[in-house]
PDB file of all heavy atoms in Angstrom:
ATOM      1  N   VAL A   1       3.417-277.143 -32.403  1.00  0.00           N
ATOM      2  CA  VAL A   1       2.677-277.063 -33.665  1.00  0.00           C
ATOM      3  C   VAL A   1       3.363-276.097 -34.620  1.00  0.00           C
ATOM      4  O   VAL A   1       3.514-276.393 -35.817  1.00  0.00           O
ATOM      5  CB  VAL A   1       1.206-276.656 -33.413  1.00  0.00           C
ATOM      6  CG1 VAL A   1       0.509-276.252 -34.696  1.00  0.00           C
ATOM      7  CG2 VAL A   1       0.459-277.783 -32.737  1.00  0.00           C
ATOM      8  N   ALA A   2       3.812-274.955 -34.120  1.00  0.00           N
ATOM      9  CA  ALA A   2       4.491-273.983 -34.975  1.00  0.00           C
ATOM     10  C   ALA A   2       5.787-274.557 -35.538  1.00  0.00           C
ATOM     11  O   ALA A   2       6.086-274.383 -36.728  1.00  0.00           O
ATOM     12  CB  ALA A   2       4.776-272.715 -34.185  1.00  0.00           C
ATOM     13  N   LEU A   3       6.548-275.250 -34.730  1.00  0.00           N
ATOM     14  CA  LEU A   3       7.786-275.853 -35.211  1.00  0.00           C
ATOM     15  C   LEU A   3       7.521-276.966 -36.216  1.00  0.00           C
ATOM     16  O   LEU A   3       8.239-277.096 -37.207  1.00  0.00           O
ATOM     17  CB  LEU A   3       8.606-276.399 -34.037  1.00  0.00           C
ATOM     18  CG  LEU A   3       9.252-275.350 -33.133  1.00  0.00           C
ATOM     19  CD1 LEU A   3       9.895-276.015 -31.930  1.00  0.00           C
ATOM     20  CD2 LEU A   3      10.257-274.529 -33.897  1.00  0.00           C
ATOM     21  N   SER A   4       6.500-277.756 -35.977  1.00  0.00           N
ATOM     22  CA  SER A   4       6.165-278.839 -36.901  1.00  0.00           C
ATOM     23  C   SER A   4       5.729-278.291 -38.262  1.00  0.00           C
ATOM     24  O   SER A   4       6.130-278.823 -39.310  1.00  0.00           O
ATOM     25  CB  SER A   4       5.058-279.716 -36.319  1.00  0.00           C
ATOM     26  OG  SER A   4       5.495-280.341 -35.149  1.00  0.00           O
ATOM     27  N   LEU A   5       4.909-277.250 -38.260  1.00  0.00           N
ATOM     28  CA  LEU A   5       4.460-276.671 -39.532  1.00  0.00           C
ATOM     29  C   LEU A   5       5.619-276.030 -40.278  1.00  0.00           C
ATOM     30  O   LEU A   5       5.721-276.167 -41.510  1.00  0.00           O
ATOM     31  CB  LEU A   5       3.359-275.642 -39.278  1.00  0.00           C
ATOM     32  CG  LEU A   5       2.010-276.218 -38.888  1.00  0.00           C
ATOM     33  CD1 LEU A   5       1.033-275.100 -38.556  1.00  0.00           C
ATOM     34  CD2 LEU A   5       1.456-277.094 -39.981  1.00  0.00           C
ATOM     35  N   SER A   6       6.486-275.343 -39.561  1.00  0.00           N
ATOM     36  CA  SER A   6       7.620-274.720 -40.247  1.00  0.00           C
ATOM     37  C   SER A   6       8.566-275.778 -40.809  1.00  0.00           C
ATOM     38  O   SER A   6       9.132-275.607 -41.893  1.00  0.00           O
ATOM     39  CB  SER A   6       8.366-273.772 -39.310  1.00  0.00           C
ATOM     40  OG  SER A   6       8.931-274.487 -38.228  1.00  0.00           O
ATOM     41  N   TRP A   7       8.728-276.869 -40.105  1.00  0.00           N
ATOM     42  CA  TRP A   7       9.577-277.958 -40.600  1.00  0.00           C
ATOM     43  C   TRP A   7       8.961-278.588 -41.856  1.00  0.00           C
ATOM     44  O   TRP A   7       9.676-278.917 -42.804  1.00  0.00           O
ATOM     45  CB  TRP A   7       9.771-279.002 -39.505  1.00  0.00           C
ATOM     46  CG  TRP A   7      10.744-280.063 -39.891  1.00  0.00           C
ATOM     47  CD1 TRP A   7      10.455-281.341 -40.252  1.00  0.00           C
ATOM     48  CD2 TRP A   7      12.162-279.947 -39.979  1.00  0.00           C
ATOM     49  NE1 TRP A   7      11.599-282.018 -40.559  1.00  0.00           N
ATOM     50  CE2 TRP A   7      12.669-281.188 -40.393  1.00  0.00           C
ATOM     51  CE3 TRP A   7      13.050-278.912 -39.747  1.00  0.00           C
ATOM     52  CZ2 TRP A   7      14.012-281.417 -40.591  1.00  0.00           C
ATOM     53  CZ3 TRP A   7      14.397-279.141 -39.939  1.00  0.00           C
ATOM     54  CH2 TRP A   7      14.871-280.378 -40.347  1.00  0.00           C
ATOM     55  N   ALA A   8       7.641-278.722 -41.865  1.00  0.00           N
ATOM     56  CA  ALA A   8       6.973-279.293 -43.033  1.00  0.00           C
ATOM     57  C   ALA A   8       7.127-278.385 -44.251  1.00  0.00           C
ATOM     58  O   ALA A   8       7.376-278.865 -45.368  1.00  0.00           O
ATOM     59  CB  ALA A   8       5.492-279.521 -42.728  1.00  0.00           C
ATOM     60  N   VAL A   9       7.015-277.081 -44.061  1.00  0.00           N
ATOM     61  CA  VAL A   9       7.182-276.131 -45.161  1.00  0.00           C
ATOM     62  C   VAL A   9       8.615-276.173 -45.671  1.00  0.00           C
ATOM     63  O   VAL A   9       8.865-276.172 -46.895  1.00  0.00           O
ATOM     64  CB  VAL A   9       6.786-274.713 -44.721  1.00  0.00           C
ATOM     65  CG1 VAL A   9       7.195-273.679 -45.751  1.00  0.00           C
ATOM     66  CG2 VAL A   9       5.297-274.640 -44.453  1.00  0.00           C
ATOM     67  N   LEU A  10       9.570-276.208 -44.775  1.00  0.00           N
ATOM     68  CA  LEU A  10      10.980-276.264 -45.172  1.00  0.00           C
ATOM     69  C   LEU A  10      11.295-277.552 -45.932  1.00  0.00           C
ATOM     70  O   LEU A  10      12.016-277.533 -46.930  1.00  0.00           O
ATOM     71  CB  LEU A  10      11.874-276.164 -43.938  1.00  0.00           C
ATOM     72  CG  LEU A  10      13.374-276.144 -44.176  1.00  0.00           C
ATOM     73  CD1 LEU A  10      13.760-274.921 -44.984  1.00  0.00           C
ATOM     74  CD2 LEU A  10      14.108-276.169 -42.858  1.00  0.00           C
ATOM     75  N   THR A  11      10.743-278.665 -45.493  1.00  0.00           N
ATOM     76  CA  THR A  11      10.951-279.938 -46.170  1.00  0.00           C
ATOM     77  C   THR A  11      10.357-279.919 -47.573  1.00  0.00           C
ATOM     78  O   THR A  11      10.993-280.353 -48.539  1.00  0.00           O
ATOM     79  CB  THR A  11      10.342-281.088 -45.353  1.00  0.00           C
ATOM     80  OG1 THR A  11      10.924-281.084 -44.051  1.00  0.00           O
ATOM     81  CG2 THR A  11      10.563-282.428 -46.007  1.00  0.00           C
ATOM     82  N   GLU A  12       9.147-279.401 -47.702  1.00  0.00           N
ATOM     83  CA  GLU A  12       8.501-279.324 -49.021  1.00  0.00           C
ATOM     84  C   GLU A  12       9.282-278.407 -49.956  1.00  0.00           C
ATOM     85  O   GLU A  12       9.474-278.724 -51.139  1.00  0.00           O
ATOM     86  CB  GLU A  12       7.068-278.824 -48.879  1.00  0.00           C
ATOM     87  CG  GLU A  12       6.333-278.683 -50.184  1.00  0.00           C
ATOM     88  CD  GLU A  12       6.099-280.005 -50.883  1.00  0.00           C
ATOM     89  OE1 GLU A  12       6.011-281.035 -50.222  1.00  0.00           O
ATOM     90  OE2 GLU A  12       6.007-279.988 -52.135  1.00  0.00           O
ATOM     91  N   ALA A  13       9.763-277.291 -49.442  1.00  0.00           N
ATOM     92  CA  ALA A  13      10.542-276.375 -50.274  1.00  0.00           C
ATOM     93  C   ALA A  13      11.853-277.022 -50.707  1.00  0.00           C
ATOM     94  O   ALA A  13      12.277-276.863 -51.856  1.00  0.00           O
ATOM     95  CB  ALA A  13      10.815-275.085 -49.511  1.00  0.00           C
ATOM     96  N   SER A  14      12.487-277.754 -49.824  1.00  0.00           N
ATOM     97  CA  SER A  14      13.745-278.423 -50.163  1.00  0.00           C
ATOM     98  C   SER A  14      13.531-279.491 -51.229  1.00  0.00           C
ATOM     99  O   SER A  14      14.317-279.605 -52.175  1.00  0.00           O
ATOM    100  CB  SER A  14      14.362-279.068 -48.920  1.00  0.00           C
ATOM    101  OG  SER A  14      14.622-278.102 -47.942  1.00  0.00           O
ATOM    102  N   LEU A  15      12.471-280.271 -51.065  1.00  0.00           N
ATOM    103  CA  LEU A  15      12.183-281.303 -52.057  1.00  0.00           C
ATOM    104  C   LEU A  15      11.826-280.696 -53.410  1.00  0.00           C
ATOM    105  O   LEU A  15      12.230-281.212 -54.460  1.00  0.00           O
ATOM    106  CB  LEU A  15      11.058-282.214 -51.564  1.00  0.00           C
ATOM    107  CG  LEU A  15      11.426-283.152 -50.423  1.00  0.00           C
ATOM    108  CD1 LEU A  15      10.187-283.870 -49.918  1.00  0.00           C
ATOM    109  CD2 LEU A  15      12.486-284.141 -50.852  1.00  0.00           C
ATOM    110  N   SER A  16      11.087-279.601 -53.405  1.00  0.00           N
ATOM    111  CA  SER A  16      10.741-278.940 -54.665  1.00  0.00           C
ATOM    112  C   SER A  16      11.980-278.371 -55.335  1.00  0.00           C
ATOM    113  O   SER A  16      12.107-278.409 -56.558  1.00  0.00           O
ATOM    114  CB  SER A  16       9.729-277.832 -54.414  1.00  0.00           C
ATOM    115  OG  SER A  16       8.504-278.380 -54.001  1.00  0.00           O
ATOM    116  N   PHE A  17      12.902-277.835 -54.554  1.00  0.00           N
ATOM    117  CA  PHE A  17      14.146-277.304 -55.108  1.00  0.00           C
ATOM    118  C   PHE A  17      14.957-278.403 -55.781  1.00  0.00           C
ATOM    119  O   PHE A  17      15.571-278.193 -56.819  1.00  0.00           O
ATOM    120  CB  PHE A  17      14.972-276.646 -54.003  1.00  0.00           C
ATOM    121  CG  PHE A  17      16.284-276.115 -54.470  1.00  0.00           C
ATOM    122  CD1 PHE A  17      16.355-274.949 -55.224  1.00  0.00           C
ATOM    123  CD2 PHE A  17      17.455-276.788 -54.176  1.00  0.00           C
ATOM    124  CE1 PHE A  17      17.572-274.461 -55.653  1.00  0.00           C
ATOM    125  CE2 PHE A  17      18.673-276.305 -54.604  1.00  0.00           C
ATOM    126  CZ  PHE A  17      18.734-275.131 -55.350  1.00  0.00           C
ATOM    127  N   LEU A  18      14.923-279.591 -55.210  1.00  0.00           N
ATOM    128  CA  LEU A  18      15.654-280.716 -55.772  1.00  0.00           C
ATOM    129  C   LEU A  18      14.908-281.403 -56.910  1.00  0.00           C
ATOM    130  O   LEU A  18      15.418-282.326 -57.530  1.00  0.00           O
ATOM    131  CB  LEU A  18      15.965-281.744 -54.680  1.00  0.00           C
ATOM    132  CG  LEU A  18      16.903-281.262 -53.574  1.00  0.00           C
ATOM    133  CD1 LEU A  18      16.992-282.306 -52.479  1.00  0.00           C
ATOM    134  CD2 LEU A  18      18.276-280.956 -54.142  1.00  0.00           C
ATOM    135  N   GLY A  19      13.684-280.965 -57.160  1.00  0.00           N
ATOM    136  CA  GLY A  19      12.894-281.558 -58.228  1.00  0.00           C
ATOM    137  C   GLY A  19      12.138-282.802 -57.798  1.00  0.00           C
ATOM    138  O   GLY A  19      11.679-283.566 -58.636  1.00  0.00           O
ATOM    139  N   LEU A  20      11.999-283.007 -56.505  1.00  0.00           N
ATOM    140  CA  LEU A  20      11.326-284.202 -56.005  1.00  0.00           C
ATOM    141  C   LEU A  20       9.975-283.898 -55.366  1.00  0.00           C
ATOM    142  O   LEU A  20       9.355-284.768 -54.781  1.00  0.00           O
ATOM    143  CB  LEU A  20      12.219-284.894 -54.958  1.00  0.00           C
ATOM    144  CG  LEU A  20      13.592-285.315 -55.458  1.00  0.00           C
ATOM    145  CD1 LEU A  20      14.432-285.803 -54.292  1.00  0.00           C
ATOM    146  CD2 LEU A  20      13.473-286.377 -56.518  1.00  0.00           C
ATOM    147  N   GLY A  21       9.535-282.661 -55.463  1.00  0.00           N
ATOM    148  CA  GLY A  21       8.275-282.265 -54.840  1.00  0.00           C
ATOM    149  C   GLY A  21       7.070-282.705 -55.657  1.00  0.00           C
ATOM    150  O   GLY A  21       7.167-283.529 -56.575  1.00  0.00           O
ATOM    151  N   THR A  22       5.939-282.120 -55.354  1.00  0.00           N
ATOM    152  CA  THR A  22       4.717-282.451 -56.078  1.00  0.00           C
ATOM    153  C   THR A  22       4.810-281.918 -57.490  1.00  0.00           C
ATOM    154  O   THR A  22       5.396-280.870 -57.760  1.00  0.00           O
ATOM    155  CB  THR A  22       3.487-281.843 -55.383  1.00  0.00           C
ATOM    156  OG1 THR A  22       3.664-280.439 -55.283  1.00  0.00           O
ATOM    157  CG2 THR A  22       3.304-282.432 -54.002  1.00  0.00           C
ATOM    158  N   ARG A  23       4.223-282.640 -58.413  1.00  0.00           N
ATOM    159  CA  ARG A  23       4.264-282.242 -59.815  1.00  0.00           C
ATOM    160  C   ARG A  23       3.045-281.385 -60.131  1.00  0.00           C
ATOM    161  O   ARG A  23       1.962-281.605 -59.612  1.00  0.00           O
ATOM    162  CB  ARG A  23       4.277-283.465 -60.714  1.00  0.00           C
ATOM    163  CG  ARG A  23       5.503-284.302 -60.514  1.00  0.00           C
ATOM    164  CD  ARG A  23       5.480-285.477 -61.466  1.00  0.00           C
ATOM    165  NE  ARG A  23       6.556-286.396 -61.142  1.00  0.00           N
ATOM    166  CZ  ARG A  23       7.672-286.474 -61.827  1.00  0.00           C
ATOM    167  NH1 ARG A  23       7.857-285.693 -62.869  1.00  0.00           N
ATOM    168  NH2 ARG A  23       8.611-287.315 -61.480  1.00  0.00           N
ATOM    169  N   ARG A  24       3.261-280.428 -61.028  1.00  0.00           N
ATOM    170  CA  ARG A  24       2.162-279.571 -61.453  1.00  0.00           C
ATOM    171  C   ARG A  24       1.276-280.329 -62.420  1.00  0.00           C
ATOM    172  O   ARG A  24       1.741-281.120 -63.235  1.00  0.00           O
ATOM    173  CB  ARG A  24       2.683-278.323 -62.127  1.00  0.00           C
ATOM    174  CG  ARG A  24       3.424-277.425 -61.197  1.00  0.00           C
ATOM    175  CD  ARG A  24       3.838-276.172 -61.928  1.00  0.00           C
ATOM    176  NE  ARG A  24       4.599-275.310 -61.041  1.00  0.00           N
ATOM    177  CZ  ARG A  24       5.139-274.191 -61.419  1.00  0.00           C
ATOM    178  NH1 ARG A  24       5.034-273.792 -62.672  1.00  0.00           N
ATOM    179  NH2 ARG A  24       5.806-273.461 -60.571  1.00  0.00           N
TER     180      ARG A  24
END
C-alpha cells in the first residue's frame, strides 16, 4: 500500500510537471 500510494503521488507530480495533470 505504501509503495502504491507513493507511486501514485509520483505519477501525478510528473504529469502535472508536464502540463498533463488535473486542471485548476
